[in-house]
N, C-alpha and C. Protein backbone atom coordinates (compact mmCIF):
# COMPACT_ATOMS: atom_id res chain seq x y z
N MET A 1 -166.96 -4.65 245.98
CA MET A 1 -166.09 -5.04 244.66
C MET A 1 -165.21 -3.57 244.74
N PRO A 2 -163.87 -4.00 244.21
CA PRO A 2 -162.96 -2.78 243.73
C PRO A 2 -163.53 -1.84 242.75
N THR A 3 -163.16 -0.59 243.21
CA THR A 3 -163.53 0.41 242.16
C THR A 3 -162.94 0.27 240.73
N ASP A 4 -161.48 -0.17 240.54
CA ASP A 4 -160.57 -0.41 239.55
C ASP A 4 -161.11 -1.77 238.80
N PRO A 5 -161.59 -1.84 237.82
CA PRO A 5 -161.96 -3.20 237.17
C PRO A 5 -161.21 -4.13 236.76
N ASP A 6 -159.82 -3.16 236.67
CA ASP A 6 -158.63 -4.16 236.68
C ASP A 6 -158.19 -5.35 237.47
N HIS A 7 -158.73 -4.88 238.98
CA HIS A 7 -158.65 -6.02 239.94
C HIS A 7 -159.30 -7.04 239.70
N LYS A 8 -160.81 -6.91 239.14
CA LYS A 8 -161.31 -8.22 238.82
C LYS A 8 -161.16 -9.11 237.94
N ASP A 9 -160.50 -8.31 236.79
CA ASP A 9 -159.83 -8.88 235.51
C ASP A 9 -158.66 -9.82 236.08
N ALA A 10 -157.66 -9.01 236.92
CA ALA A 10 -156.58 -10.07 238.04
C ALA A 10 -157.08 -11.34 238.44
N ALA A 11 -158.25 -10.95 239.19
CA ALA A 11 -159.07 -12.38 239.90
C ALA A 11 -159.06 -13.35 239.10
N VAL A 12 -159.76 -13.04 237.95
CA VAL A 12 -160.35 -14.03 237.20
C VAL A 12 -158.83 -14.64 236.39
N THR A 13 -157.78 -13.71 236.17
CA THR A 13 -156.79 -14.41 235.53
C THR A 13 -155.94 -15.22 236.46
N LEU A 14 -155.92 -14.98 237.58
CA LEU A 14 -155.16 -15.78 238.63
C LEU A 14 -155.98 -17.04 238.74
N GLY A 15 -157.22 -17.03 238.92
CA GLY A 15 -158.03 -18.19 239.00
C GLY A 15 -157.85 -18.79 237.80
N THR A 16 -157.97 -18.50 236.59
CA THR A 16 -157.78 -19.26 235.25
C THR A 16 -156.30 -20.13 235.21
N GLN A 17 -155.31 -19.16 235.68
CA GLN A 17 -153.71 -19.88 235.95
C GLN A 17 -153.75 -20.84 236.73
N MET A 18 -154.50 -20.79 238.03
CA MET A 18 -154.40 -21.83 238.81
C MET A 18 -155.15 -23.32 238.16
N GLY A 19 -156.17 -23.06 237.68
CA GLY A 19 -156.97 -23.92 237.26
C GLY A 19 -156.12 -24.67 236.34
N GLU A 20 -155.54 -24.08 235.28
CA GLU A 20 -154.97 -24.61 234.05
C GLU A 20 -153.31 -25.23 234.68
N ASN A 21 -153.01 -24.88 235.53
CA ASN A 21 -151.67 -25.48 236.17
C ASN A 21 -152.20 -26.25 237.29
N GLY A 22 -153.19 -26.86 237.87
CA GLY A 22 -153.49 -27.89 238.52
C GLY A 22 -153.12 -27.44 240.10
N ILE A 23 -153.14 -25.94 240.06
CA ILE A 23 -152.85 -25.51 241.45
C ILE A 23 -154.52 -25.69 241.99
N LYS A 24 -154.41 -26.27 243.39
CA LYS A 24 -155.76 -26.36 243.88
C LYS A 24 -156.11 -24.93 244.67
N LEU A 25 -157.31 -24.10 244.88
CA LEU A 25 -157.54 -22.98 245.63
C LEU A 25 -158.18 -23.60 246.94
N ILE A 26 -157.43 -22.91 248.00
CA ILE A 26 -157.99 -22.94 249.24
C ILE A 26 -158.36 -21.51 249.67
N TYR A 27 -159.66 -21.58 249.96
CA TYR A 27 -160.03 -19.96 250.53
C TYR A 27 -161.16 -20.12 251.39
N GLY A 28 -161.57 -18.75 251.89
CA GLY A 28 -162.57 -18.61 252.61
C GLY A 28 -164.17 -19.32 252.27
N GLY A 29 -164.68 -19.78 251.00
CA GLY A 29 -165.56 -20.33 250.74
C GLY A 29 -166.85 -19.36 250.23
N GLY A 30 -166.54 -17.84 249.84
CA GLY A 30 -167.54 -17.18 249.70
C GLY A 30 -167.84 -17.37 248.06
N HIS A 31 -169.06 -16.77 247.69
CA HIS A 31 -169.06 -16.55 246.35
C HIS A 31 -169.36 -15.07 245.93
N VAL A 32 -168.87 -14.19 246.90
CA VAL A 32 -168.78 -12.85 246.65
C VAL A 32 -167.38 -12.31 246.22
N GLY A 33 -167.29 -11.08 245.85
CA GLY A 33 -166.02 -10.29 245.73
C GLY A 33 -165.09 -10.78 244.85
N LEU A 34 -163.90 -10.61 244.90
CA LEU A 34 -162.71 -10.99 244.20
C LEU A 34 -162.37 -12.53 244.28
N MET A 35 -162.67 -12.75 245.68
CA MET A 35 -162.38 -14.42 246.02
C MET A 35 -163.49 -15.34 245.12
N GLY A 36 -164.64 -14.85 245.11
CA GLY A 36 -165.66 -15.31 244.45
C GLY A 36 -165.22 -15.45 242.96
N LEU A 37 -164.59 -14.63 242.40
CA LEU A 37 -164.08 -14.56 241.00
C LEU A 37 -163.14 -15.61 240.85
N ILE A 38 -162.24 -15.60 241.44
CA ILE A 38 -161.39 -16.46 241.67
C ILE A 38 -161.47 -17.91 241.59
N ALA A 39 -162.46 -18.25 242.63
CA ALA A 39 -162.97 -19.41 242.59
C ALA A 39 -163.58 -20.00 241.24
N ASP A 40 -164.68 -18.97 240.89
CA ASP A 40 -165.43 -19.45 239.48
C ASP A 40 -164.40 -19.41 238.46
N ALA A 41 -163.22 -18.76 238.27
CA ALA A 41 -162.67 -18.86 237.20
C ALA A 41 -161.69 -20.32 237.36
N THR A 42 -161.13 -20.49 238.58
CA THR A 42 -160.61 -21.68 238.88
C THR A 42 -161.25 -23.15 238.56
N LEU A 43 -162.50 -22.95 238.82
CA LEU A 43 -163.37 -23.87 238.52
C LEU A 43 -163.85 -24.09 236.97
N ALA A 44 -163.71 -22.96 236.33
CA ALA A 44 -163.92 -23.24 234.57
C ALA A 44 -162.73 -23.46 234.19
N ALA A 45 -161.55 -23.36 234.59
CA ALA A 45 -160.44 -23.76 233.98
C ALA A 45 -160.18 -25.26 234.21
N ASN A 46 -161.10 -26.05 235.11
CA ASN A 46 -161.14 -27.25 235.63
C ASN A 46 -160.27 -27.57 236.67
N GLY A 47 -159.95 -26.36 237.77
CA GLY A 47 -159.27 -26.82 238.75
C GLY A 47 -160.35 -26.90 239.86
N GLN A 48 -159.47 -27.35 241.03
CA GLN A 48 -160.29 -27.84 242.31
C GLN A 48 -160.20 -26.73 243.21
N VAL A 49 -161.42 -26.45 243.91
CA VAL A 49 -161.64 -25.17 244.91
C VAL A 49 -162.07 -25.58 246.15
N ILE A 50 -161.52 -25.68 247.08
CA ILE A 50 -162.09 -25.93 248.51
C ILE A 50 -162.25 -24.54 249.12
N GLY A 51 -163.65 -24.56 249.87
CA GLY A 51 -163.96 -23.33 250.65
C GLY A 51 -163.93 -23.86 252.02
N ILE A 52 -163.66 -22.82 252.91
CA ILE A 52 -163.86 -23.02 254.40
C ILE A 52 -164.56 -21.71 254.66
N ILE A 53 -165.73 -22.00 255.42
CA ILE A 53 -166.43 -20.75 255.71
C ILE A 53 -167.02 -20.92 257.22
N PRO A 54 -167.27 -20.20 258.02
CA PRO A 54 -167.73 -20.09 259.40
C PRO A 54 -169.32 -20.11 258.92
N GLY A 55 -169.80 -20.94 259.93
CA GLY A 55 -171.42 -21.31 260.13
C GLY A 55 -171.99 -19.82 259.96
N HIS A 56 -171.65 -18.79 260.66
CA HIS A 56 -172.84 -17.88 260.65
C HIS A 56 -172.54 -17.09 259.31
N LEU A 57 -171.62 -17.03 258.22
CA LEU A 57 -171.48 -16.75 256.98
C LEU A 57 -172.30 -17.69 256.06
N HIS A 58 -172.26 -18.86 256.50
CA HIS A 58 -172.83 -20.02 255.75
C HIS A 58 -174.18 -19.57 255.69
N ASP A 59 -174.67 -19.53 256.99
CA ASP A 59 -176.12 -19.21 257.05
C ASP A 59 -176.71 -18.15 256.49
N ILE A 60 -176.02 -16.98 256.24
CA ILE A 60 -176.55 -15.81 255.52
C ILE A 60 -176.63 -16.00 254.13
N GLU A 61 -176.17 -17.13 253.56
CA GLU A 61 -176.12 -17.55 252.34
C GLU A 61 -174.87 -16.79 251.37
N VAL A 62 -173.68 -16.84 252.05
CA VAL A 62 -172.77 -16.04 251.47
C VAL A 62 -171.90 -17.13 250.97
N SER A 63 -172.15 -18.47 251.28
CA SER A 63 -171.05 -19.50 250.67
C SER A 63 -171.26 -19.91 249.13
N HIS A 64 -170.16 -20.21 248.52
CA HIS A 64 -170.37 -20.70 246.95
C HIS A 64 -170.92 -22.04 247.27
N GLU A 65 -171.45 -22.19 246.48
CA GLU A 65 -172.44 -23.65 246.44
C GLU A 65 -171.53 -24.62 245.40
N LYS A 66 -171.09 -24.20 244.47
CA LYS A 66 -170.31 -25.03 243.55
C LYS A 66 -168.83 -25.44 243.59
N LEU A 67 -168.28 -25.28 244.78
CA LEU A 67 -167.06 -25.65 244.88
C LEU A 67 -166.83 -27.38 244.88
N THR A 68 -165.55 -27.71 244.91
CA THR A 68 -165.27 -29.13 244.70
C THR A 68 -165.22 -29.78 246.26
N GLU A 69 -165.44 -28.93 247.23
CA GLU A 69 -165.62 -29.01 248.82
C GLU A 69 -165.94 -27.90 249.30
N LEU A 70 -166.91 -28.08 250.18
CA LEU A 70 -167.05 -26.74 251.01
C LEU A 70 -167.15 -27.23 252.51
N HIS A 71 -166.20 -26.93 253.35
CA HIS A 71 -166.35 -27.10 254.69
C HIS A 71 -167.09 -25.96 255.43
N VAL A 72 -168.16 -26.33 256.37
CA VAL A 72 -168.32 -25.32 257.22
C VAL A 72 -168.03 -25.35 258.68
N VAL A 73 -167.52 -24.66 259.21
CA VAL A 73 -166.62 -24.50 260.55
C VAL A 73 -167.11 -23.72 261.51
N ASP A 74 -166.79 -23.75 262.72
CA ASP A 74 -167.47 -23.06 263.93
C ASP A 74 -167.07 -21.50 263.96
N SER A 75 -166.14 -21.09 263.64
CA SER A 75 -165.65 -19.92 263.86
C SER A 75 -164.75 -19.06 262.59
N MET A 76 -164.28 -17.95 262.69
CA MET A 76 -163.45 -17.34 261.72
C MET A 76 -161.87 -17.83 262.17
N HIS A 77 -161.68 -18.18 263.43
CA HIS A 77 -160.37 -18.47 263.59
C HIS A 77 -160.10 -20.19 263.39
N VAL A 78 -161.23 -20.87 263.35
CA VAL A 78 -161.27 -22.10 262.74
C VAL A 78 -160.71 -22.15 261.42
N ARG A 79 -161.48 -21.30 260.69
CA ARG A 79 -161.38 -21.18 259.29
C ARG A 79 -160.07 -20.89 258.66
N LYS A 80 -159.42 -19.89 259.41
CA LYS A 80 -158.03 -19.63 259.16
C LYS A 80 -156.96 -20.80 259.56
N GLU A 81 -157.13 -21.21 260.55
CA GLU A 81 -156.49 -22.31 261.08
C GLU A 81 -156.59 -23.64 260.09
N LYS A 82 -157.93 -23.94 259.46
CA LYS A 82 -157.99 -25.04 258.50
C LYS A 82 -157.19 -24.60 257.32
N MET A 83 -157.55 -23.00 256.76
CA MET A 83 -157.02 -22.72 255.42
C MET A 83 -155.24 -22.92 255.71
N PHE A 84 -154.91 -22.52 256.86
CA PHE A 84 -153.42 -22.71 256.81
C PHE A 84 -153.13 -24.17 256.88
N GLN A 85 -153.67 -25.10 257.66
CA GLN A 85 -153.52 -26.45 257.29
C GLN A 85 -153.46 -26.98 256.11
N MET A 86 -154.49 -26.60 255.23
CA MET A 86 -154.68 -27.20 253.84
C MET A 86 -153.85 -26.61 252.81
N ALA A 87 -153.32 -25.32 252.91
CA ALA A 87 -152.77 -24.71 252.02
C ALA A 87 -151.23 -24.95 252.03
N ASP A 88 -150.62 -24.83 250.78
CA ASP A 88 -149.03 -25.20 250.82
C ASP A 88 -148.14 -23.81 250.59
N ALA A 89 -148.99 -22.91 250.26
CA ALA A 89 -148.52 -21.43 250.03
C ALA A 89 -149.76 -20.46 250.15
N PHE A 90 -149.05 -19.25 250.07
CA PHE A 90 -150.26 -18.18 250.07
C PHE A 90 -150.00 -17.01 249.07
N ALA A 91 -150.82 -16.59 248.28
CA ALA A 91 -150.70 -15.60 247.25
C ALA A 91 -151.60 -14.49 247.82
N VAL A 92 -151.28 -13.35 247.76
CA VAL A 92 -151.95 -12.39 248.48
C VAL A 92 -152.29 -11.02 247.29
N LEU A 93 -153.48 -11.13 246.83
CA LEU A 93 -153.88 -10.03 245.84
C LEU A 93 -154.08 -8.65 246.82
N PRO A 94 -154.66 -7.68 246.14
CA PRO A 94 -154.83 -6.55 246.79
C PRO A 94 -156.24 -6.99 247.53
N GLY A 95 -156.44 -6.36 248.53
CA GLY A 95 -157.67 -6.85 249.33
C GLY A 95 -157.99 -5.68 250.53
N GLY A 96 -158.98 -6.07 251.14
CA GLY A 96 -159.07 -5.09 252.36
C GLY A 96 -158.67 -6.15 253.63
N LEU A 97 -159.74 -5.51 254.78
CA LEU A 97 -159.09 -5.60 256.09
C LEU A 97 -158.96 -7.19 256.49
N GLY A 98 -159.94 -8.07 255.88
CA GLY A 98 -159.84 -9.28 256.02
C GLY A 98 -158.56 -10.00 255.41
N THR A 99 -158.19 -9.45 254.24
CA THR A 99 -156.94 -9.89 253.53
C THR A 99 -155.68 -9.36 254.67
N LEU A 100 -155.89 -8.48 254.94
CA LEU A 100 -154.79 -7.76 255.91
C LEU A 100 -154.45 -8.82 257.11
N ASP A 101 -155.76 -9.06 257.82
CA ASP A 101 -155.73 -9.83 258.81
C ASP A 101 -154.80 -11.17 258.61
N GLU A 102 -155.54 -11.75 257.45
CA GLU A 102 -154.93 -13.28 257.30
C GLU A 102 -153.75 -13.12 257.02
N THR A 103 -152.95 -12.23 256.16
CA THR A 103 -151.44 -11.84 255.71
C THR A 103 -150.74 -11.55 256.81
N PHE A 104 -151.08 -10.99 257.83
CA PHE A 104 -150.32 -10.49 258.96
C PHE A 104 -150.19 -11.68 259.73
N GLU A 105 -151.42 -12.55 259.97
CA GLU A 105 -151.19 -13.75 260.76
C GLU A 105 -150.32 -14.88 260.20
N MET A 106 -150.32 -15.21 258.88
CA MET A 106 -149.41 -16.14 258.22
C MET A 106 -147.88 -15.62 258.37
N VAL A 107 -147.82 -14.18 258.38
CA VAL A 107 -146.37 -13.58 258.00
C VAL A 107 -145.81 -13.60 259.61
N THR A 108 -146.80 -13.52 260.55
CA THR A 108 -146.35 -13.51 261.87
C THR A 108 -145.95 -15.20 262.45
N TRP A 109 -146.67 -15.82 262.06
CA TRP A 109 -146.62 -17.14 262.29
C TRP A 109 -145.11 -17.50 261.56
N ARG A 110 -144.81 -17.04 260.41
CA ARG A 110 -143.78 -17.36 259.80
C ARG A 110 -142.47 -16.80 260.66
N GLN A 111 -142.72 -15.52 261.04
CA GLN A 111 -141.85 -14.96 261.85
C GLN A 111 -141.19 -15.94 263.20
N LEU A 112 -142.31 -16.38 263.70
CA LEU A 112 -142.27 -17.15 264.98
C LEU A 112 -141.87 -18.72 264.60
N ARG A 113 -141.49 -18.72 263.33
CA ARG A 113 -140.92 -20.00 262.98
C ARG A 113 -141.92 -21.35 263.23
N LEU A 114 -143.28 -20.88 263.12
CA LEU A 114 -144.18 -21.99 263.07
C LEU A 114 -144.49 -22.37 261.78
N HIS A 115 -143.88 -21.95 260.74
CA HIS A 115 -144.16 -22.50 259.44
C HIS A 115 -143.15 -21.85 258.63
N ASP A 116 -143.03 -22.31 257.39
CA ASP A 116 -141.89 -21.49 256.35
C ASP A 116 -142.62 -21.70 254.84
N LYS A 117 -143.95 -21.72 254.89
CA LYS A 117 -144.66 -21.76 253.71
C LYS A 117 -144.46 -20.41 252.90
N PRO A 118 -144.45 -20.70 251.47
CA PRO A 118 -144.30 -19.50 250.76
C PRO A 118 -145.51 -18.33 250.90
N ILE A 119 -145.06 -17.28 251.17
CA ILE A 119 -146.05 -16.14 251.03
C ILE A 119 -145.89 -15.02 250.13
N ILE A 120 -146.46 -14.90 249.11
CA ILE A 120 -146.33 -14.10 247.98
C ILE A 120 -147.53 -12.63 248.01
N LEU A 121 -146.76 -11.64 248.33
CA LEU A 121 -147.40 -10.45 248.15
C LEU A 121 -147.68 -10.10 246.55
N VAL A 122 -148.88 -9.76 245.95
CA VAL A 122 -149.10 -9.48 244.71
C VAL A 122 -149.10 -7.84 244.54
N ASN A 123 -147.96 -7.56 244.54
CA ASN A 123 -148.25 -5.83 244.34
C ASN A 123 -148.76 -5.22 243.19
N TYR A 124 -149.86 -5.83 242.71
CA TYR A 124 -150.56 -5.57 241.21
C TYR A 124 -150.95 -3.91 241.39
N LYS A 125 -150.37 -3.20 240.20
CA LYS A 125 -150.58 -1.67 240.29
C LYS A 125 -150.27 -1.12 241.56
N ASN A 126 -149.11 -1.76 242.03
CA ASN A 126 -148.81 -1.04 243.35
C ASN A 126 -149.64 -0.98 244.33
N TYR A 127 -150.77 -1.63 244.58
CA TYR A 127 -151.53 -1.74 245.52
C TYR A 127 -150.92 -1.54 246.95
N TRP A 128 -149.83 -2.62 247.05
CA TRP A 128 -149.40 -2.78 248.37
C TRP A 128 -148.07 -1.82 248.73
N GLN A 129 -147.95 -1.14 247.98
CA GLN A 129 -146.87 -0.18 248.29
C GLN A 129 -146.94 0.66 249.15
N PRO A 130 -148.13 1.12 249.78
CA PRO A 130 -148.10 1.63 251.24
C PRO A 130 -147.85 0.79 252.42
N LEU A 131 -148.15 -0.56 252.37
CA LEU A 131 -147.95 -1.68 253.22
C LEU A 131 -146.22 -1.65 253.19
N LEU A 132 -145.67 -1.83 252.07
CA LEU A 132 -144.35 -2.33 252.21
C LEU A 132 -143.46 -0.96 252.44
N ASP A 133 -144.11 0.52 252.44
CA ASP A 133 -143.45 1.49 252.64
C ASP A 133 -143.43 1.37 254.21
N LEU A 134 -144.72 1.05 255.03
CA LEU A 134 -144.99 0.90 256.53
C LEU A 134 -144.00 -0.15 257.03
N ILE A 135 -143.83 -1.20 256.24
CA ILE A 135 -142.72 -2.28 256.72
C ILE A 135 -141.30 -1.68 256.69
N ALA A 136 -140.98 -1.02 255.79
CA ALA A 136 -139.61 -0.43 255.80
C ALA A 136 -139.43 0.92 256.82
N HIS A 137 -140.59 1.66 257.11
CA HIS A 137 -140.57 2.36 258.21
C HIS A 137 -140.48 1.71 259.70
N MET A 138 -141.18 0.59 259.95
CA MET A 138 -141.17 -0.38 261.07
C MET A 138 -139.44 -0.70 261.32
N ILE A 139 -139.16 -1.04 260.55
CA ILE A 139 -137.70 -1.58 260.49
C ILE A 139 -136.72 -0.56 260.64
N ASP A 140 -136.79 0.57 259.88
CA ASP A 140 -136.12 1.83 260.49
C ASP A 140 -136.17 2.29 261.74
N ALA A 141 -137.11 2.09 262.08
CA ALA A 141 -137.84 2.80 263.29
C ALA A 141 -137.30 1.72 264.34
N GLY A 142 -136.83 0.16 264.25
CA GLY A 142 -136.48 -0.66 265.12
C GLY A 142 -137.47 -1.41 265.59
N PHE A 143 -138.80 -1.30 265.20
CA PHE A 143 -139.89 -2.17 265.65
C PHE A 143 -139.96 -3.78 264.74
N ALA A 144 -139.01 -3.82 263.70
CA ALA A 144 -139.20 -4.81 263.21
C ALA A 144 -137.59 -5.06 262.63
N GLN A 145 -137.30 -6.24 262.56
CA GLN A 145 -135.85 -6.59 261.98
C GLN A 145 -135.65 -6.47 260.63
N GLU A 146 -134.59 -6.40 259.84
CA GLU A 146 -134.21 -6.25 258.68
C GLU A 146 -135.01 -7.83 257.74
N GLU A 147 -134.65 -9.05 258.53
CA GLU A 147 -134.92 -10.08 258.12
C GLU A 147 -136.61 -10.33 257.81
N THR A 148 -137.39 -9.39 258.37
CA THR A 148 -138.65 -9.16 257.84
C THR A 148 -139.05 -9.44 256.75
N TRP A 149 -138.06 -8.75 255.57
CA TRP A 149 -138.36 -9.06 254.27
C TRP A 149 -138.06 -10.39 253.78
N GLN A 150 -137.74 -11.34 254.57
CA GLN A 150 -137.41 -12.77 254.10
C GLN A 150 -138.71 -13.79 254.38
N TYR A 151 -139.74 -13.27 255.27
CA TYR A 151 -140.81 -13.97 255.33
C TYR A 151 -142.14 -13.90 254.25
N PHE A 152 -141.66 -13.05 253.43
CA PHE A 152 -142.77 -12.87 252.27
C PHE A 152 -141.86 -12.61 250.99
N GLN A 153 -142.42 -12.93 249.77
CA GLN A 153 -141.90 -12.30 248.34
C GLN A 153 -142.84 -11.45 247.84
N VAL A 154 -142.30 -10.33 247.07
CA VAL A 154 -143.18 -9.41 246.33
C VAL A 154 -143.26 -9.51 245.04
N VAL A 155 -144.04 -9.78 244.32
CA VAL A 155 -144.27 -9.76 242.70
C VAL A 155 -145.05 -8.55 242.33
N GLU A 156 -144.86 -8.31 241.30
CA GLU A 156 -145.44 -6.96 240.65
C GLU A 156 -146.72 -7.34 239.68
N HIS A 157 -146.31 -8.57 239.07
CA HIS A 157 -146.99 -9.15 237.83
C HIS A 157 -147.80 -10.38 238.00
N LEU A 158 -149.14 -10.36 237.86
CA LEU A 158 -149.72 -11.77 237.85
C LEU A 158 -148.92 -12.83 237.16
N ASP A 159 -148.34 -12.71 236.24
CA ASP A 159 -147.56 -13.93 235.46
C ASP A 159 -146.25 -14.49 236.34
N ASP A 160 -145.96 -13.57 237.33
CA ASP A 160 -144.88 -14.05 238.26
C ASP A 160 -145.24 -14.92 239.43
N ILE A 161 -146.60 -14.92 239.92
CA ILE A 161 -147.05 -15.89 240.73
C ILE A 161 -146.63 -17.13 240.67
N ILE A 162 -147.18 -17.99 239.77
CA ILE A 162 -146.99 -19.20 239.69
C ILE A 162 -145.49 -19.74 239.54
N PRO A 163 -144.76 -19.01 238.62
CA PRO A 163 -143.16 -18.98 238.66
C PRO A 163 -142.58 -19.26 239.92
N THR A 164 -143.17 -18.22 240.72
CA THR A 164 -142.47 -17.78 242.13
C THR A 164 -142.78 -18.71 243.35
N LEU A 165 -144.24 -19.28 242.89
CA LEU A 165 -144.51 -20.52 243.87
C LEU A 165 -143.57 -21.88 243.41
N LEU A 166 -143.64 -22.07 242.14
CA LEU A 166 -143.02 -23.22 241.65
C LEU A 166 -141.14 -23.12 241.89
N SER A 167 -140.71 -21.89 242.20
CA SER A 167 -139.35 -22.20 242.29
C SER A 167 -139.03 -21.71 243.83
N ALA A 168 -139.83 -21.77 244.82
CA ALA A 168 -139.79 -21.58 246.27
C ALA A 168 -139.31 -22.98 246.70
N PRO A 169 -138.49 -22.83 247.90
CA PRO A 169 -137.76 -23.71 248.23
C PRO A 169 -138.62 -24.65 249.07
N GLU A 170 -138.24 -25.88 249.13
CA GLU A 170 -139.01 -26.88 250.25
C GLU A 170 -139.26 -26.77 251.33
N THR A 171 -140.69 -26.67 251.99
CA THR A 171 -140.47 -26.24 253.20
C THR A 171 -139.83 -27.35 254.26
N THR A 172 -139.29 -26.73 255.30
CA THR A 172 -138.47 -27.62 256.06
C THR A 172 -139.35 -27.74 257.45
N ILE A 173 -140.09 -26.93 257.65
CA ILE A 173 -140.65 -26.91 259.09
C ILE A 173 -142.35 -27.62 259.00
N SER A 174 -142.15 -28.57 259.82
CA SER A 174 -143.67 -29.11 260.00
C SER A 174 -144.32 -28.37 261.03
N PRO A 175 -145.49 -27.78 260.60
CA PRO A 175 -146.19 -27.04 261.49
C PRO A 175 -146.91 -27.89 262.59
N ASP A 176 -146.75 -27.53 263.78
CA ASP A 176 -147.35 -28.17 264.95
C ASP A 176 -148.76 -27.04 265.50
N ILE A 177 -149.96 -27.60 264.89
CA ILE A 177 -151.18 -26.54 264.94
C ILE A 177 -151.29 -26.22 266.17
N THR A 178 -150.74 -27.19 267.27
CA THR A 178 -151.00 -26.99 268.71
C THR A 178 -150.41 -25.81 269.30
N LYS A 179 -149.47 -25.26 268.38
CA LYS A 179 -148.70 -23.99 268.89
C LYS A 179 -149.33 -22.79 268.49
N PHE A 180 -150.45 -22.91 267.76
CA PHE A 180 -151.05 -21.64 267.14
C PHE A 180 -151.78 -21.05 268.03
């Protein structure tokens, strides 16, 4: 769990907002960490929560047992693929290596024009600023194009997530999962 308790409060706030607005949470299926808090808050606000967890994590009792649906899959790769297929958009709160892995995969797939689903990076308390600085450095050094900024949106406040999602343009790319 994060050392700053505000991040826990942010997770609960986002989950509550999702449940109250009828936005279904699709996530990795665990009951621990910030994602477990978001799931609990979404459920408490009468929302739907779908978890997708690989069998090896389910077997060691990490899975959340009170979800609307829980899918146990064969691998981490299948988990990310299924989460991608089921999700209409992605909101990225502060997180660790798993969060970076999932985020970069979604951004990279968007860069490759495999999808155009909204990706919202929530720069809560400037958590993602070093990443944003790195992306700017990559662009300045010629390793990424200026259009990289178009693959995701950055919001600073939790209250901006849902309005940003609701105002996102309709997707025009129908993902062909065989290309992933």
